[in-house]
Amino acid sequence: MFNDIGPLELVTIIVLAVLVFGPDKLPKVIQDVMRTIRKIREFSESAKQDIRDELGPEFKDFEFEDLNPKTFIRKQLDNEELGLKEIRNGFDLKKEMAEVTDAVHSRDGEAPSPPPSSSGGRVDMTKKPEGPGDDRPPFDADAT
């Protein structure tokens, strides 16, 4: 229930409980809290049993933990009928990564070919392109 509470946090909670309730009342408060937790658990278990009884014999294998999406997906992926274990076992990640690495390294050794150009590999950015589509009038900011 409290898996993510660290030791420092636990000590802090204990110190705060002693300061708030005092050392005299702290055992009674702990007993009351434990009694309340037990009652909640009993109520929860009886509610689960009532739901199982109402669902009938068709749902005798029903588990409330299966309603958790992670548990449901894990249970479905471990299902033997789907054949996912054979697919998972047939996939060799190390082999695939080695092939990708070889493909990348073989491309690195090749020199890239320069793009074809009529001016010896240089592109003149100062010239305006010549052609039939150059008949546009200049942009006029006042006209818009």
Protein backbone atom coordinates (compact mmCIF):
# COMPACT_ATOMS: atom_id res chain seq x y z
CA MET A 1 0.00 0.00 0.00
CA PHE A 2 2.79 2.43 0.87
CA ASN A 3 5.50 1.20 -1.48
CA ASP A 4 6.57 4.66 -2.55
CA ILE A 5 7.15 6.11 0.94
CA GLY A 6 10.83 6.43 1.78
CA PRO A 7 12.39 6.10 5.23
CA LEU A 8 12.79 9.86 5.68
CA GLU A 9 9.13 10.43 4.83
CA LEU A 10 8.09 7.71 7.28
CA VAL A 11 10.14 9.27 10.08
CA THR A 12 8.61 12.66 9.26
CA ILE A 13 5.08 11.23 9.50
CA ILE A 14 5.85 9.58 12.85
CA VAL A 15 7.33 12.78 14.28
CA LEU A 16 4.32 14.81 13.09
CA ALA A 17 1.92 12.24 14.58
CA VAL A 18 3.69 12.43 17.95
CA LEU A 19 3.62 16.23 17.85
CA VAL A 20 -0.04 16.49 16.79
CA PHE A 21 -1.58 13.75 18.97
CA GLY A 22 0.97 13.57 21.76
CA PRO A 23 2.61 10.43 23.14
CA ASP A 24 -0.37 9.70 25.42
CA LYS A 25 -3.09 9.62 22.75
CA LEU A 26 -0.99 8.18 19.90
CA PRO A 27 -1.61 4.46 20.72
CA LYS A 28 -5.38 5.04 20.83
CA VAL A 29 -5.28 6.92 17.50
CA ILE A 30 -3.29 4.06 15.90
CA GLN A 31 -5.83 1.51 17.20
CA ASP A 32 -8.72 3.57 15.82
CA VAL A 33 -7.03 3.88 12.42
CA MET A 34 -6.30 0.14 12.28
CA ARG A 35 -9.89 -0.69 13.27
CA THR A 36 -11.19 1.59 10.51
CA ILE A 37 -8.88 0.00 7.92
CA ARG A 38 -10.07 -3.49 8.97
CA LYS A 39 -13.71 -2.43 8.62
CA ILE A 40 -13.08 -1.00 5.17
CA ARG A 41 -11.35 -4.22 4.08
CA GLU A 42 -14.23 -6.35 5.42
CA PHE A 43 -16.76 -4.15 3.65
CA SER A 44 -14.77 -4.40 0.41
CA GLU A 45 -14.50 -8.18 0.61
CA SER A 46 -18.21 -8.57 1.34
CA ALA A 47 -19.05 -6.29 -1.60
CA LYS A 48 -16.81 -8.36 -3.89
CA GLN A 49 -18.45 -11.57 -2.68
CA ASP A 50 -21.93 -10.10 -3.24
CA ILE A 51 -20.99 -9.10 -6.80
CA ARG A 52 -19.61 -12.61 -7.50
CA ASP A 53 -22.80 -14.18 -6.14
CA GLU A 54 -24.98 -11.90 -8.28
CA LEU A 55 -22.98 -12.54 -11.46
CA GLY A 56 -23.69 -16.25 -11.23
CA PRO A 57 -21.72 -19.34 -12.21
CA GLU A 58 -20.81 -17.98 -15.67
CA PHE A 59 -18.36 -15.56 -14.07
CA LYS A 60 -16.82 -17.86 -11.47
CA ASP A 61 -13.33 -17.11 -12.90
CA PHE A 62 -13.88 -13.35 -12.67
CA GLU A 63 -11.18 -11.50 -10.74
CA PHE A 64 -11.43 -7.83 -9.86
CA GLU A 65 -7.71 -7.44 -10.44
CA ASP A 66 -8.39 -8.14 -14.14
CA LEU A 67 -10.15 -4.78 -14.34
CA ASN A 68 -6.75 -3.10 -14.06
CA PRO A 69 -5.68 -2.37 -17.68
CA LYS A 70 -2.06 -3.45 -17.11
CA THR A 71 -3.14 -6.79 -15.65
CA PHE A 72 -5.67 -7.34 -18.43
CA ILE A 73 -3.13 -6.67 -21.20
CA ARG A 74 -0.46 -8.80 -19.52
CA LYS A 75 -2.93 -11.68 -19.19
CA GLN A 76 -3.96 -11.39 -22.83
CA LEU A 77 -0.36 -11.26 -24.08
CA ASP A 78 0.53 -14.38 -22.10
CA ASN A 79 -2.36 -16.22 -23.71
CA GLU A 80 -1.08 -19.28 -25.58
CA GLU A 81 -3.89 -19.22 -28.16
CA LEU A 82 -2.65 -16.06 -29.86
CA GLY A 83 0.82 -17.42 -30.65
CA LEU A 84 2.57 -14.28 -29.46
CA LYS A 85 5.21 -16.23 -27.57
CA GLU A 86 6.41 -17.85 -30.79
CA ILE A 87 6.63 -14.44 -32.45
CA ARG A 88 8.44 -12.98 -29.43
CA ASN A 89 10.87 -15.91 -29.30
CA GLY A 90 11.50 -15.77 -33.07
CA PHE A 91 12.53 -12.13 -32.93
CA ASP A 92 16.24 -11.71 -32.19
CA LEU A 93 16.83 -8.11 -31.15
CA LYS A 94 20.63 -8.38 -31.11
CA LYS A 95 20.67 -9.73 -34.66
CA GLU A 96 18.34 -6.98 -35.89
CA MET A 97 20.42 -4.26 -34.22
CA ALA A 98 23.62 -5.70 -35.73
CA GLU A 99 22.07 -5.58 -39.20
CA VAL A 100 20.98 -1.97 -38.72
CA THR A 101 24.43 -1.02 -37.42
CA ASP A 102 26.12 -2.67 -40.39
CA ALA A 103 23.80 -0.89 -42.80
CA VAL A 104 24.52 2.48 -41.19
CA HIS A 105 28.29 1.96 -41.14
CA SER A 106 28.39 0.85 -44.77
CA ARG A 107 26.66 4.07 -45.83
CA ASP A 108 29.07 6.19 -43.78
CA GLY A 109 32.06 4.89 -45.79
CA GLU A 110 30.62 6.06 -49.11
CA ALA A 111 31.23 9.63 -50.20
CA PRO A 112 28.07 11.51 -51.07
CA SER A 113 27.74 12.35 -54.73
CA PRO A 114 27.54 16.09 -55.54
CA PRO A 115 24.28 17.31 -57.02
CA PRO A 116 24.37 17.97 -60.77
CA SER A 117 24.76 21.64 -61.58
CA SER A 118 25.65 23.63 -64.67
CA SER A 119 27.93 26.08 -62.84
CA GLY A 120 30.51 23.61 -61.56
CA GLY A 121 28.78 22.71 -58.26
CA ARG A 122 28.01 26.28 -57.17
CA VAL A 123 24.63 27.91 -57.09
CA ASP A 124 24.46 31.65 -57.64
CA MET A 125 21.93 33.02 -55.18
CA THR A 126 22.22 36.61 -56.40
CA LYS A 127 20.74 36.01 -59.84
CA LYS A 128 17.02 36.08 -60.32
CA PRO A 129 15.60 33.03 -62.03
CA GLU A 130 14.84 33.54 -65.65
CA GLY A 131 11.73 32.14 -67.17
CA PRO A 132 8.17 32.76 -68.32
CA GLY A 133 6.80 32.92 -64.74
CA ASP A 134 8.83 36.05 -63.94
CA ASP A 135 6.08 38.43 -65.16
CA ARG A 136 4.76 39.25 -61.69
CA PRO A 137 4.56 42.88 -60.71
CA PRO A 138 6.56 43.93 -57.65
CA PHE A 139 4.90 43.84 -54.23
CA ASP A 140 3.21 47.10 -53.30
CA ALA A 141 2.53 47.45 -49.57
CA ASP A 142 0.31 50.50 -50.03
CA ALA A 143 -1.99 48.69 -52.41
CA THR A 144 -3.01 46.04 -49.90
